[in-house]
Amino acid sequence: MSILYKSSTYDTSSPAASVESGLVYNEMRLWGYSFGARVAYETAWQLEQIGETVSELVLLAPGSPQLPYVEPVSCDQIALFTSPAFLTILLSVFVHDIDTVLTADCLARVHSRADFFSFASAHFPAMDTALVEAIINVVSITYSPNYQIVLMDKPLRCPISVWRAAGDGSAFIDDGAVTGLQLRNHDLMVDHYAVLKPQGIAALQATGLMRSNKE
């Protein structure tokens, strides 16, 4: 069985709740994309702690697009919503890309959570306001100190396949080999936002990691 985590909407304090209860699997292959890479790692670790077998952990684009700013690690709303790095990544979740013109406008206008909510609501009027709030909450959580993973404290027995997107910066898994993790590192020739789009899916199928629908 393969499970793909695309975001941090899962409760990482109880990952078994994300895996359908009441069923028995001989093995599990967990996938995590972008923010979901840490969720998948945490889930794999907790499953191994209760004796489950994870056959492989696949991390797709576990880093963020490389930016000319220092990314904050903070729960403080002022620190986050005045950070160019945080605002750039947060806006990119709505746009599915880094739009330089829109991002520059955002950085000039946004100085608080309320400012960003108004900015996003104005530029994406078709999006339900509850969804806008949910996305803001999810991305904010990923920058919290509580969301960071210390690999030395949570080693995995399963092999880990890391697929880095073109143009991405550092990721939480970078020091994995030093801590004894079984890492296999690969580079994808598509950028962060294209990994789960047709171009990225085709690239993953070409590597044999994903099967084509024709097979």
N, C-alpha and C. Protein backbone atom coordinates (compact mmCIF):
# COMPACT_ATOMS: atom_id res chain seq x y z
N MET A 1 0.84 -1.19 0.00
CA MET A 1 0.00 0.00 0.00
C MET A 1 0.87 1.24 0.00
N SER A 2 0.52 2.21 -0.83
CA SER A 2 1.25 3.49 -0.86
C SER A 2 0.33 4.60 -0.38
N ILE A 3 0.88 5.50 0.43
CA ILE A 3 0.12 6.63 0.95
C ILE A 3 0.91 7.89 0.65
N LEU A 4 0.23 8.89 0.06
CA LEU A 4 0.89 10.15 -0.27
C LEU A 4 0.38 11.25 0.63
N TYR A 5 1.32 11.92 1.32
CA TYR A 5 0.99 13.08 2.14
C TYR A 5 1.41 14.33 1.38
N LYS A 6 0.42 15.18 1.05
CA LYS A 6 0.71 16.38 0.28
C LYS A 6 0.81 17.63 1.15
N SER A 7 0.28 17.57 2.35
CA SER A 7 0.34 18.74 3.21
C SER A 7 0.33 18.30 4.66
N SER A 8 0.39 19.28 5.53
CA SER A 8 0.43 18.96 6.95
C SER A 8 -0.96 18.97 7.57
N THR A 9 -1.98 18.63 6.81
CA THR A 9 -3.33 18.61 7.34
C THR A 9 -3.59 17.37 8.19
N TYR A 10 -2.64 16.43 8.20
CA TYR A 10 -2.78 15.25 9.03
C TYR A 10 -2.30 15.54 10.43
N ASP A 11 -2.86 14.82 11.40
CA ASP A 11 -2.46 14.98 12.80
C ASP A 11 -1.22 14.14 13.04
N THR A 12 -0.05 14.78 13.06
CA THR A 12 1.20 14.04 13.21
C THR A 12 1.39 13.51 14.62
N SER A 13 0.55 13.92 15.57
CA SER A 13 0.66 13.37 16.91
C SER A 13 0.08 11.96 16.96
N SER A 14 -0.73 11.62 15.97
CA SER A 14 -1.34 10.29 15.90
C SER A 14 -1.45 9.87 14.45
N PRO A 15 -0.32 9.54 13.81
CA PRO A 15 -0.34 9.26 12.38
C PRO A 15 -1.14 8.02 12.02
N ALA A 16 -1.31 7.11 12.96
CA ALA A 16 -2.08 5.91 12.65
C ALA A 16 -3.50 6.28 12.24
N ALA A 17 -3.97 7.46 12.67
CA ALA A 17 -5.30 7.91 12.29
C ALA A 17 -5.35 8.24 10.81
N SER A 18 -4.19 8.55 10.21
CA SER A 18 -4.13 8.85 8.79
C SER A 18 -4.10 7.58 7.96
N VAL A 19 -3.78 6.46 8.57
CA VAL A 19 -3.77 5.16 7.90
C VAL A 19 -5.03 4.45 8.34
N GLU A 20 -5.82 4.02 7.40
CA GLU A 20 -7.14 3.48 7.71
C GLU A 20 -7.08 2.42 8.80
N SER A 21 -7.82 2.64 9.87
CA SER A 21 -7.79 1.74 11.01
C SER A 21 -8.55 0.46 10.73
N GLY A 22 -8.18 -0.58 11.46
CA GLY A 22 -8.88 -1.85 11.36
C GLY A 22 -8.38 -2.74 10.26
N LEU A 23 -7.40 -2.29 9.48
CA LEU A 23 -6.86 -3.09 8.40
C LEU A 23 -5.42 -3.48 8.72
N VAL A 24 -4.99 -4.62 8.20
CA VAL A 24 -3.64 -5.10 8.44
C VAL A 24 -2.90 -5.12 7.11
N TYR A 25 -1.73 -4.50 7.06
CA TYR A 25 -0.92 -4.45 5.86
C TYR A 25 0.41 -5.15 6.13
N ASN A 26 0.88 -5.88 5.13
CA ASN A 26 2.19 -6.52 5.29
C ASN A 26 3.30 -5.48 5.27
N GLU A 27 3.09 -4.45 4.48
CA GLU A 27 4.09 -3.38 4.41
C GLU A 27 3.43 -2.13 3.86
N MET A 28 4.07 -1.00 4.12
CA MET A 28 3.55 0.28 3.63
C MET A 28 4.66 1.08 2.99
N ARG A 29 4.32 1.74 1.92
CA ARG A 29 5.23 2.65 1.25
C ARG A 29 4.63 4.05 1.39
N LEU A 30 5.31 4.91 2.11
CA LEU A 30 4.79 6.25 2.38
C LEU A 30 5.46 7.28 1.47
N TRP A 31 4.66 8.19 0.95
CA TRP A 31 5.14 9.26 0.10
C TRP A 31 4.82 10.60 0.76
N GLY A 32 5.71 11.56 0.63
CA GLY A 32 5.43 12.90 1.13
C GLY A 32 5.94 13.93 0.14
N TYR A 33 5.09 14.89 -0.20
CA TYR A 33 5.48 15.94 -1.13
C TYR A 33 5.51 17.30 -0.43
N SER A 34 6.58 18.04 -0.62
CA SER A 34 6.71 19.40 -0.10
C SER A 34 6.51 19.42 1.41
N PHE A 35 5.53 20.20 1.92
CA PHE A 35 5.29 20.23 3.36
C PHE A 35 4.96 18.83 3.89
N GLY A 36 4.34 18.02 3.04
CA GLY A 36 3.94 16.68 3.45
C GLY A 36 5.09 15.72 3.64
N ALA A 37 6.31 16.10 3.22
CA ALA A 37 7.46 15.22 3.41
C ALA A 37 7.73 15.00 4.90
N ARG A 38 7.62 16.05 5.68
CA ARG A 38 7.84 15.90 7.13
C ARG A 38 6.72 15.10 7.78
N VAL A 39 5.51 15.27 7.29
CA VAL A 39 4.39 14.49 7.81
C VAL A 39 4.63 13.01 7.54
N ALA A 40 5.08 12.69 6.32
CA ALA A 40 5.34 11.30 5.97
C ALA A 40 6.48 10.72 6.81
N TYR A 41 7.52 11.52 7.04
CA TYR A 41 8.65 11.05 7.86
C TYR A 41 8.18 10.77 9.28
N GLU A 42 7.45 11.70 9.86
CA GLU A 42 6.94 11.53 11.23
C GLU A 42 6.03 10.31 11.32
N THR A 43 5.19 10.14 10.31
CA THR A 43 4.28 9.00 10.28
C THR A 43 5.06 7.69 10.22
N ALA A 44 6.08 7.64 9.36
CA ALA A 44 6.91 6.44 9.24
C ALA A 44 7.58 6.11 10.57
N TRP A 45 8.09 7.15 11.22
CA TRP A 45 8.78 6.91 12.50
C TRP A 45 7.81 6.37 13.55
N GLN A 46 6.64 6.98 13.66
CA GLN A 46 5.69 6.53 14.67
C GLN A 46 5.16 5.13 14.35
N LEU A 47 4.97 4.83 13.08
CA LEU A 47 4.53 3.48 12.71
C LEU A 47 5.59 2.44 13.07
N GLU A 48 6.86 2.76 12.82
CA GLU A 48 7.92 1.83 13.19
C GLU A 48 7.99 1.64 14.71
N GLN A 49 7.66 2.69 15.44
CA GLN A 49 7.69 2.58 16.91
C GLN A 49 6.66 1.60 17.45
N ILE A 50 5.58 1.38 16.70
CA ILE A 50 4.56 0.44 17.17
C ILE A 50 4.66 -0.90 16.44
N GLY A 51 5.80 -1.12 15.76
CA GLY A 51 6.07 -2.42 15.18
C GLY A 51 5.61 -2.62 13.76
N GLU A 52 5.10 -1.58 13.10
CA GLU A 52 4.69 -1.70 11.71
C GLU A 52 5.91 -1.66 10.80
N THR A 53 5.77 -2.25 9.61
CA THR A 53 6.85 -2.26 8.63
C THR A 53 6.57 -1.25 7.54
N VAL A 54 7.47 -0.31 7.39
CA VAL A 54 7.41 0.64 6.28
C VAL A 54 8.46 0.20 5.27
N SER A 55 8.01 -0.19 4.08
CA SER A 55 8.96 -0.73 3.11
C SER A 55 9.85 0.35 2.51
N GLU A 56 9.30 1.56 2.38
CA GLU A 56 10.09 2.67 1.82
C GLU A 56 9.39 3.98 2.12
N LEU A 57 10.21 5.00 2.33
CA LEU A 57 9.71 6.37 2.48
C LEU A 57 10.20 7.16 1.27
N VAL A 58 9.27 7.73 0.51
CA VAL A 58 9.61 8.50 -0.68
C VAL A 58 9.31 9.97 -0.41
N LEU A 59 10.34 10.80 -0.45
CA LEU A 59 10.19 12.24 -0.19
C LEU A 59 10.36 13.00 -1.50
N LEU A 60 9.28 13.63 -1.94
CA LEU A 60 9.30 14.40 -3.18
C LEU A 60 9.43 15.88 -2.85
N ALA A 61 10.46 16.51 -3.36
CA ALA A 61 10.69 17.95 -3.14
C ALA A 61 10.54 18.32 -1.66
N PRO A 62 11.35 17.70 -0.77
CA PRO A 62 11.20 17.97 0.65
C PRO A 62 11.68 19.36 1.08
N GLY A 63 12.39 20.05 0.21
CA GLY A 63 12.82 21.41 0.52
C GLY A 63 11.84 22.43 -0.02
N SER A 64 12.19 23.69 0.08
CA SER A 64 11.40 24.77 -0.49
C SER A 64 12.21 25.43 -1.61
N PRO A 65 11.56 26.12 -2.53
CA PRO A 65 12.31 26.85 -3.55
C PRO A 65 13.35 27.76 -2.90
N GLN A 66 14.54 27.78 -3.47
CA GLN A 66 15.62 28.58 -2.89
C GLN A 66 15.29 30.07 -3.05
N LEU A 67 15.40 30.79 -1.94
CA LEU A 67 15.05 32.20 -1.92
C LEU A 67 16.24 33.03 -1.42
N PRO A 68 16.26 34.31 -1.74
CA PRO A 68 17.36 35.17 -1.26
C PRO A 68 17.09 35.70 0.15
N TYR A 69 16.28 34.99 0.92
CA TYR A 69 15.95 35.41 2.27
C TYR A 69 16.18 34.24 3.23
N VAL A 70 16.37 34.55 4.49
CA VAL A 70 16.47 33.53 5.53
C VAL A 70 15.06 33.14 5.95
N GLU A 71 14.77 31.84 5.94
CA GLU A 71 13.44 31.38 6.33
C GLU A 71 13.33 31.34 7.85
N PRO A 72 12.26 31.88 8.40
CA PRO A 72 12.11 31.92 9.86
C PRO A 72 11.62 30.59 10.42
N VAL A 73 11.95 30.32 11.66
CA VAL A 73 11.36 29.22 12.41
C VAL A 73 10.76 29.86 13.64
N SER A 74 9.45 30.04 13.63
CA SER A 74 8.83 30.82 14.70
C SER A 74 7.32 30.55 14.75
N CYS A 75 6.77 30.71 15.95
CA CYS A 75 5.32 30.68 16.13
C CYS A 75 4.76 32.10 16.18
N ASP A 76 5.65 33.08 16.22
CA ASP A 76 5.24 34.47 16.38
C ASP A 76 4.66 35.01 15.07
N GLN A 77 3.42 35.44 15.10
CA GLN A 77 2.74 35.91 13.90
C GLN A 77 3.40 37.15 13.31
N ILE A 78 3.91 38.02 14.16
CA ILE A 78 4.58 39.22 13.64
C ILE A 78 5.84 38.83 12.89
N ALA A 79 6.62 37.91 13.47
CA ALA A 79 7.85 37.46 12.81
C ALA A 79 7.55 36.81 11.47
N LEU A 80 6.50 36.01 11.42
CA LEU A 80 6.18 35.31 10.17
C LEU A 80 5.67 36.27 9.10
N PHE A 81 4.71 37.09 9.46
CA PHE A 81 4.05 37.91 8.45
C PHE A 81 4.79 39.20 8.11
N THR A 82 6.00 39.34 8.66
CA THR A 82 6.91 40.39 8.20
C THR A 82 8.15 39.78 7.57
N SER A 83 8.13 38.46 7.37
CA SER A 83 9.25 37.76 6.76
C SER A 83 9.03 37.60 5.25
N PRO A 84 9.92 38.14 4.42
CA PRO A 84 9.77 37.98 2.97
C PRO A 84 9.77 36.51 2.55
N ALA A 85 10.57 35.68 3.22
CA ALA A 85 10.63 34.27 2.87
C ALA A 85 9.30 33.58 3.14
N PHE A 86 8.76 33.80 4.34
CA PHE A 86 7.49 33.18 4.69
C PHE A 86 6.37 33.63 3.76
N LEU A 87 6.28 34.94 3.51
CA LEU A 87 5.22 35.46 2.66
C LEU A 87 5.35 34.95 1.22
N THR A 88 6.57 34.83 0.74
CA THR A 88 6.78 34.32 -0.62
C THR A 88 6.29 32.89 -0.75
N ILE A 89 6.67 32.05 0.22
CA ILE A 89 6.25 30.64 0.17
C ILE A 89 4.74 30.52 0.39
N LEU A 90 4.21 31.28 1.33
CA LEU A 90 2.77 31.23 1.60
C LEU A 90 1.98 31.62 0.35
N LEU A 91 2.36 32.69 -0.30
CA LEU A 91 1.67 33.12 -1.51
C LEU A 91 1.81 32.07 -2.61
N SER A 92 2.97 31.44 -2.69
CA SER A 92 3.19 30.44 -3.75
C SER A 92 2.26 29.24 -3.62
N VAL A 93 1.79 28.97 -2.41
CA VAL A 93 0.84 27.87 -2.23
C VAL A 93 -0.48 28.19 -2.94
N PHE A 94 -0.85 29.45 -2.95
CA PHE A 94 -2.08 29.87 -3.63
C PHE A 94 -1.88 29.90 -5.15
N VAL A 95 -0.70 30.36 -5.58
CA VAL A 95 -0.43 30.56 -7.00
C VAL A 95 0.06 29.29 -7.68
N HIS A 96 0.60 28.34 -6.89
CA HIS A 96 1.26 27.13 -7.40
C HIS A 96 2.51 27.48 -8.19
N ASP A 97 3.13 28.57 -7.81
CA ASP A 97 4.35 29.03 -8.47
C ASP A 97 4.82 30.26 -7.69
N ILE A 98 5.99 30.76 -8.02
CA ILE A 98 6.43 32.04 -7.46
C ILE A 98 6.31 33.08 -8.56
N ASP A 99 5.26 33.87 -8.45
CA ASP A 99 4.98 34.95 -9.39
C ASP A 99 5.70 36.19 -8.87
N THR A 100 6.75 36.61 -9.55
CA THR A 100 7.60 37.69 -9.02
C THR A 100 6.86 39.01 -8.88
N VAL A 101 5.98 39.32 -9.83
CA VAL A 101 5.24 40.59 -9.78
C VAL A 101 4.25 40.57 -8.62
N LEU A 102 3.47 39.49 -8.53
CA LEU A 102 2.48 39.39 -7.45
C LEU A 102 3.16 39.32 -6.08
N THR A 103 4.30 38.62 -6.03
CA THR A 103 5.03 38.51 -4.77
C THR A 103 5.55 39.87 -4.32
N ALA A 104 6.08 40.66 -5.24
CA ALA A 104 6.57 42.00 -4.90
C ALA A 104 5.43 42.86 -4.36
N ASP A 105 4.26 42.74 -4.96
CA ASP A 105 3.09 43.50 -4.50
C ASP A 105 2.69 43.04 -3.10
N CYS A 106 2.74 41.75 -2.88
CA CYS A 106 2.41 41.19 -1.56
C CYS A 106 3.37 41.70 -0.49
N LEU A 107 4.65 41.66 -0.78
CA LEU A 107 5.65 42.11 0.20
C LEU A 107 5.51 43.59 0.52
N ALA A 108 5.04 44.35 -0.45
CA ALA A 108 4.87 45.80 -0.23
C ALA A 108 3.63 46.11 0.60
N ARG A 109 2.61 45.27 0.48
CA ARG A 109 1.32 45.56 1.11
C ARG A 109 1.06 44.83 2.42
N VAL A 110 1.69 43.66 2.59
CA VAL A 110 1.33 42.79 3.72
C VAL A 110 2.31 42.97 4.88
N HIS A 111 1.77 43.24 6.06
CA HIS A 111 2.59 43.39 7.27
C HIS A 111 1.98 42.65 8.46
N SER A 112 0.90 41.90 8.20
CA SER A 112 0.25 41.15 9.28
C SER A 112 -0.57 40.02 8.67
N ARG A 113 -1.05 39.13 9.53
CA ARG A 113 -1.90 38.03 9.07
C ARG A 113 -3.18 38.57 8.42
N ALA A 114 -3.76 39.59 9.05
CA ALA A 114 -4.98 40.19 8.50
C ALA A 114 -4.73 40.79 7.12
N ASP A 115 -3.57 41.43 6.95
CA ASP A 115 -3.20 41.99 5.65
C ASP A 115 -3.14 40.89 4.60
N PHE A 116 -2.50 39.76 4.96
CA PHE A 116 -2.35 38.69 3.97
C PHE A 116 -3.70 38.09 3.63
N PHE A 117 -4.56 37.91 4.63
CA PHE A 117 -5.89 37.36 4.37
C PHE A 117 -6.64 38.25 3.38
N SER A 118 -6.57 39.55 3.58
CA SER A 118 -7.24 40.48 2.68
C SER A 118 -6.63 40.43 1.28
N PHE A 119 -5.30 40.34 1.23
CA PHE A 119 -4.59 40.29 -0.06
C PHE A 119 -4.99 39.03 -0.82
N ALA A 120 -4.96 37.88 -0.15
CA ALA A 120 -5.29 36.62 -0.81
C ALA A 120 -6.76 36.59 -1.23
N SER A 121 -7.64 37.10 -0.38
CA SER A 121 -9.07 37.11 -0.70
C SER A 121 -9.36 37.98 -1.91
N ALA A 122 -8.62 39.09 -2.02
CA ALA A 122 -8.83 39.99 -3.15
C ALA A 122 -8.31 39.40 -4.46
N HIS A 123 -7.20 38.67 -4.38
CA HIS A 123 -6.60 38.12 -5.61
C HIS A 123 -7.15 36.75 -5.99
N PHE A 124 -7.79 36.07 -5.06
CA PHE A 124 -8.36 34.76 -5.35
C PHE A 124 -9.82 34.74 -4.86
N PRO A 125 -10.66 35.57 -5.47
CA PRO A 125 -12.05 35.72 -5.00
C PRO A 125 -12.89 34.45 -5.10
N ALA A 126 -12.51 33.54 -5.99
CA ALA A 126 -13.28 32.30 -6.13
C ALA A 126 -13.00 31.32 -4.99
N MET A 127 -11.96 31.58 -4.23
CA MET A 127 -11.58 30.67 -3.14
C MET A 127 -12.38 30.98 -1.88
N ASP A 128 -12.95 29.95 -1.29
CA ASP A 128 -13.72 30.12 -0.06
C ASP A 128 -12.83 30.69 1.04
N THR A 129 -13.35 31.63 1.81
CA THR A 129 -12.54 32.27 2.85
C THR A 129 -12.06 31.27 3.91
N ALA A 130 -12.86 30.23 4.15
CA ALA A 130 -12.45 29.20 5.12
C ALA A 130 -11.22 28.45 4.60
N LEU A 131 -11.16 28.25 3.29
CA LEU A 131 -10.00 27.58 2.70
C LEU A 131 -8.77 28.49 2.77
N VAL A 132 -8.97 29.77 2.54
CA VAL A 132 -7.86 30.73 2.66
C VAL A 132 -7.28 30.66 4.07
N GLU A 133 -8.15 30.68 5.08
CA GLU A 133 -7.71 30.59 6.47
C GLU A 133 -6.99 29.27 6.74
N ALA A 134 -7.52 28.17 6.19
CA ALA A 134 -6.92 26.85 6.41
C ALA A 134 -5.51 26.79 5.83
N ILE A 135 -5.32 27.35 4.64
CA ILE A 135 -3.99 27.34 4.01
C ILE A 135 -3.02 28.17 4.84
N ILE A 136 -3.46 29.33 5.29
CA ILE A 136 -2.61 30.17 6.13
C ILE A 136 -2.21 29.42 7.39
N ASN A 137 -3.17 28.73 8.00
CA ASN A 137 -2.88 27.97 9.22
C ASN A 137 -1.87 26.86 8.98
N VAL A 138 -2.07 26.11 7.89
CA VAL A 138 -1.19 24.98 7.58
C VAL A 138 0.24 25.46 7.35
N VAL A 139 0.41 26.49 6.53
CA VAL A 139 1.76 26.97 6.22
C VAL A 139 2.40 27.57 7.47
N SER A 140 1.63 28.26 8.29
CA SER A 140 2.17 28.82 9.54
C SER A 140 2.69 27.71 10.45
N ILE A 141 1.95 26.62 10.53
CA ILE A 141 2.36 25.49 11.38
C ILE A 141 3.70 24.92 10.92
N THR A 142 3.91 24.87 9.61
CA THR A 142 5.16 24.27 9.11
C THR A 142 6.39 25.08 9.49
N TYR A 143 6.21 26.33 9.85
CA TYR A 143 7.34 27.16 10.27
C TYR A 143 7.51 27.18 11.79
N SER A 144 6.64 26.47 12.48
CA SER A 144 6.72 26.42 13.94
C SER A 144 7.88 25.54 14.39
N PRO A 145 8.53 25.88 15.50
CA PRO A 145 9.60 25.02 16.05
C PRO A 145 9.10 23.60 16.33
N ASN A 146 7.82 23.46 16.66
CA ASN A 146 7.28 22.14 16.96
C ASN A 146 7.16 21.25 15.73
N TYR A 147 7.22 21.85 14.55
CA TYR A 147 7.09 21.08 13.31
C TYR A 147 8.43 20.58 12.79
N GLN A 148 9.52 21.06 13.38
CA GLN A 148 10.85 20.68 12.92
C GLN A 148 11.18 19.27 13.42
N ILE A 149 11.92 18.51 12.62
CA ILE A 149 12.28 17.14 12.97
C ILE A 149 13.78 17.06 13.23
N VAL A 150 14.15 16.52 14.40
CA VAL A 150 15.55 16.25 14.73
C VAL A 150 15.83 14.80 14.37
N LEU A 151 16.57 14.59 13.29
CA LEU A 151 16.75 13.24 12.76
C LEU A 151 17.41 12.30 13.76
N MET A 152 18.33 12.82 14.56
CA MET A 152 19.01 11.97 15.55
C MET A 152 18.03 11.39 16.56
N ASP A 153 16.97 12.13 16.83
CA ASP A 153 15.98 11.69 17.82
C ASP A 153 14.95 10.73 17.22
N LYS A 154 14.85 10.72 15.89
CA LYS A 154 13.82 9.90 15.24
C LYS A 154 14.38 9.15 14.03
N PRO A 155 15.33 8.24 14.28
CA PRO A 155 15.92 7.49 13.16
C PRO A 155 14.92 6.48 12.59
N LEU A 156 15.04 6.25 11.29
CA LEU A 156 14.17 5.27 10.63
C LEU A 156 14.97 4.05 10.20
N ARG A 157 14.31 2.89 10.22
CA ARG A 157 14.94 1.66 9.73
C ARG A 157 14.72 1.50 8.23
N CYS A 158 13.65 2.05 7.72
CA CYS A 158 13.31 1.84 6.31
C CYS A 158 14.19 2.67 5.39
N PRO A 159 14.37 2.23 4.14
CA PRO A 159 15.11 3.05 3.17
C PRO A 159 14.32 4.28 2.79
N ILE A 160 15.04 5.36 2.50
CA ILE A 160 14.41 6.64 2.17
C ILE A 160 14.90 7.09 0.80
N SER A 161 13.96 7.32 -0.09
CA SER A 161 14.28 7.81 -1.43
C SER A 161 13.94 9.29 -1.50
N VAL A 162 14.95 10.13 -1.73
CA VAL A 162 14.76 11.59 -1.73
C VAL A 162 14.87 12.10 -3.16
N TRP A 163 13.82 12.77 -3.62
CA TRP A 163 13.78 13.32 -4.97
C TRP A 163 13.73 14.84 -4.86
N ARG A 164 14.85 15.48 -5.18
CA ARG A 164 14.97 16.93 -5.03
C ARG A 164 14.52 17.63 -6.31
N ALA A 165 13.69 18.63 -6.14
CA ALA A 165 13.21 19.41 -7.29
C ALA A 165 14.26 20.43 -7.70
N ALA A 166 14.30 20.73 -8.98
CA ALA A 166 15.24 21.73 -9.49
C ALA A 166 14.97 23.08 -8.84
N GLY A 167 16.03 23.72 -8.36
CA GLY A 167 15.89 25.05 -7.78
C GLY A 167 15.53 25.08 -6.31
N ASP A 168 15.37 23.90 -5.70
CA ASP A 168 15.04 23.88 -4.27
C ASP A 168 16.27 24.10 -3.41
N GLY A 169 16.05 24.63 -2.22
CA GLY A 169 17.12 24.84 -1.26
C GLY A 169 17.27 23.65 -0.33
N SER A 170 17.79 23.89 0.86
CA SER A 170 18.04 22.82 1.81
C SER A 170 16.74 22.23 2.33
N ALA A 171 16.84 21.00 2.86
CA ALA A 171 15.67 20.31 3.40
C ALA A 171 16.04 19.65 4.72
N PHE A 172 15.03 19.31 5.50
CA PHE A 172 15.26 18.72 6.83
C PHE A 172 16.01 17.40 6.75
N ILE A 173 15.96 16.72 5.61
CA ILE A 173 16.53 15.39 5.47
C ILE A 173 18.01 15.44 5.06
N ASP A 174 18.55 16.63 4.82
CA ASP A 174 19.89 16.77 4.25
C ASP A 174 20.97 16.07 5.06
N ASP A 175 20.86 16.05 6.39
CA ASP A 175 21.88 15.43 7.23
C ASP A 175 21.57 13.97 7.55
N GLY A 176 20.66 13.39 6.81
CA GLY A 176 20.22 12.03 7.09
C GLY A 176 21.32 11.00 7.03
N ALA A 177 22.21 11.12 6.03
CA ALA A 177 23.28 10.13 5.90
C ALA A 177 24.22 10.18 7.10
N VAL A 178 24.44 11.37 7.64
CA VAL A 178 25.32 11.53 8.80
C VAL A 178 24.74 10.84 10.02
N THR A 179 23.41 10.83 10.11
CA THR A 179 22.74 10.22 11.27
C THR A 179 22.46 8.74 11.05
N GLY A 180 22.91 8.18 9.93
CA GLY A 180 22.78 6.75 9.71
C GLY A 180 21.56 6.31 8.94
N LEU A 181 20.82 7.24 8.36
CA LEU A 181 19.64 6.87 7.57
C LEU A 181 20.06 6.28 6.23
N GLN A 182 19.23 5.39 5.71
CA GLN A 182 19.49 4.76 4.41
C GLN A 182 18.93 5.66 3.30
N LEU A 183 19.71 6.62 2.88
CA LEU A 183 19.24 7.59 1.90
C LEU A 183 19.67 7.24 0.48
N ARG A 184 18.75 7.45 -0.45
CA ARG A 184 19.08 7.40 -1.87
C ARG A 184 18.63 8.74 -2.45
N ASN A 185 19.58 9.55 -2.87
CA ASN A 185 19.29 10.90 -3.35
C ASN A 185 19.20 10.95 -4.87
N HIS A 186 18.18 11.65 -5.35
CA HIS A 186 17.97 11.78 -6.79
C HIS A 186 17.60 13.24 -7.10
N ASP A 187 17.88 13.65 -8.31
CA ASP A 187 17.52 15.00 -8.75
C ASP A 187 16.45 14.92 -9.82
N LEU A 188 15.43 15.76 -9.70
CA LEU A 188 14.40 15.87 -10.72
C LEU A 188 14.66 17.11 -11.56
N MET A 189 14.36 17.03 -12.84
CA MET A 189 14.60 18.15 -13.74
C MET A 189 13.37 19.05 -13.87
N VAL A 190 12.50 19.02 -12.87
CA VAL A 190 11.35 19.91 -12.85
C VAL A 190 11.38 20.69 -11.54
N ASP A 191 10.74 21.86 -11.53
CA ASP A 191 10.80 22.66 -10.32
C ASP A 191 9.78 22.19 -9.28
N HIS A 192 9.84 22.80 -8.13
CA HIS A 192 9.05 22.38 -6.97
C HIS A 192 7.56 22.28 -7.28
N TYR A 193 7.05 23.25 -8.01
CA TYR A 193 5.60 23.33 -8.23
C TYR A 193 5.12 22.44 -9.36
N ALA A 194 6.05 21.86 -10.11
CA ALA A 194 5.67 21.00 -11.24
C ALA A 194 5.73 19.52 -10.90
N VAL A 195 6.19 19.20 -9.70
CA VAL A 195 6.42 17.79 -9.36
C VAL A 195 5.17 16.94 -9.51
N LEU A 196 4.02 17.43 -9.06
CA LEU A 196 2.78 16.65 -9.14
C LEU A 196 1.88 17.11 -10.29
N LYS A 197 2.45 17.87 -11.22
CA LYS A 197 1.73 18.25 -12.44
C LYS A 197 2.17 17.31 -13.56
N PRO A 198 1.50 17.34 -14.71
CA PRO A 198 1.82 16.37 -15.78
C PRO A 198 3.30 16.24 -16.10
N GLN A 199 4.02 17.37 -16.16
CA GLN A 199 5.45 17.32 -16.48
C GLN A 199 6.23 16.54 -15.41
N GLY A 200 5.90 16.80 -14.15
CA GLY A 200 6.58 16.11 -13.06
C GLY A 200 6.20 14.66 -12.98
N ILE A 201 4.92 14.35 -13.18
CA ILE A 201 4.48 12.95 -13.16
C ILE A 201 5.19 12.17 -14.26
N ALA A 202 5.32 12.78 -15.43
CA ALA A 202 6.02 12.12 -16.53
C ALA A 202 7.48 11.86 -16.17
N ALA A 203 8.10 12.83 -15.49
CA ALA A 203 9.50 12.66 -15.07
C ALA A 203 9.63 11.52 -14.07
N LEU A 204 8.68 11.43 -13.13
CA LEU A 204 8.72 10.36 -12.13
C LEU A 204 8.45 9.00 -12.77
N GLN A 205 7.55 8.97 -13.75
CA GLN A 205 7.28 7.71 -14.45
C GLN A 205 8.51 7.27 -15.24
N ALA A 206 9.24 8.23 -15.79
CA ALA A 206 10.44 7.89 -16.57
C ALA A 206 11.51 7.25 -15.70
N THR A 207 11.52 7.58 -14.42
CA THR A 207 12.50 6.98 -13.52
C THR A 207 12.08 5.60 -13.04
N GLY A 208 10.80 5.26 -13.28
CA GLY A 208 10.28 3.98 -12.79
C GLY A 208 9.69 4.07 -11.41
N LEU A 209 9.73 5.27 -10.81
CA LEU A 209 9.20 5.43 -9.46
C LEU A 209 7.68 5.33 -9.45
N MET A 210 7.04 5.85 -10.50
CA MET A 210 5.59 5.78 -10.62
C MET A 210 5.22 5.04 -11.88
N ARG A 211 4.12 4.31 -11.82
CA ARG A 211 3.64 3.59 -12.97
C ARG A 211 2.76 4.47 -13.83
N SER A 212 2.81 4.25 -15.12
CA SER A 212 1.93 4.96 -16.03
C SER A 212 0.55 4.33 -15.98
N ASN A 213 -0.48 5.13 -16.24
CA ASN A 213 -1.85 4.61 -16.26
C ASN A 213 -2.04 3.59 -17.38
N LYS A 214 -1.13 3.62 -18.35
CA LYS A 214 -1.23 2.69 -19.48
C LYS A 214 -0.73 1.30 -19.10
N GLU A 215 0.01 1.20 -17.99
CA GLU A 215 0.58 -0.09 -17.62
C GLU A 215 -0.44 -0.94 -16.90
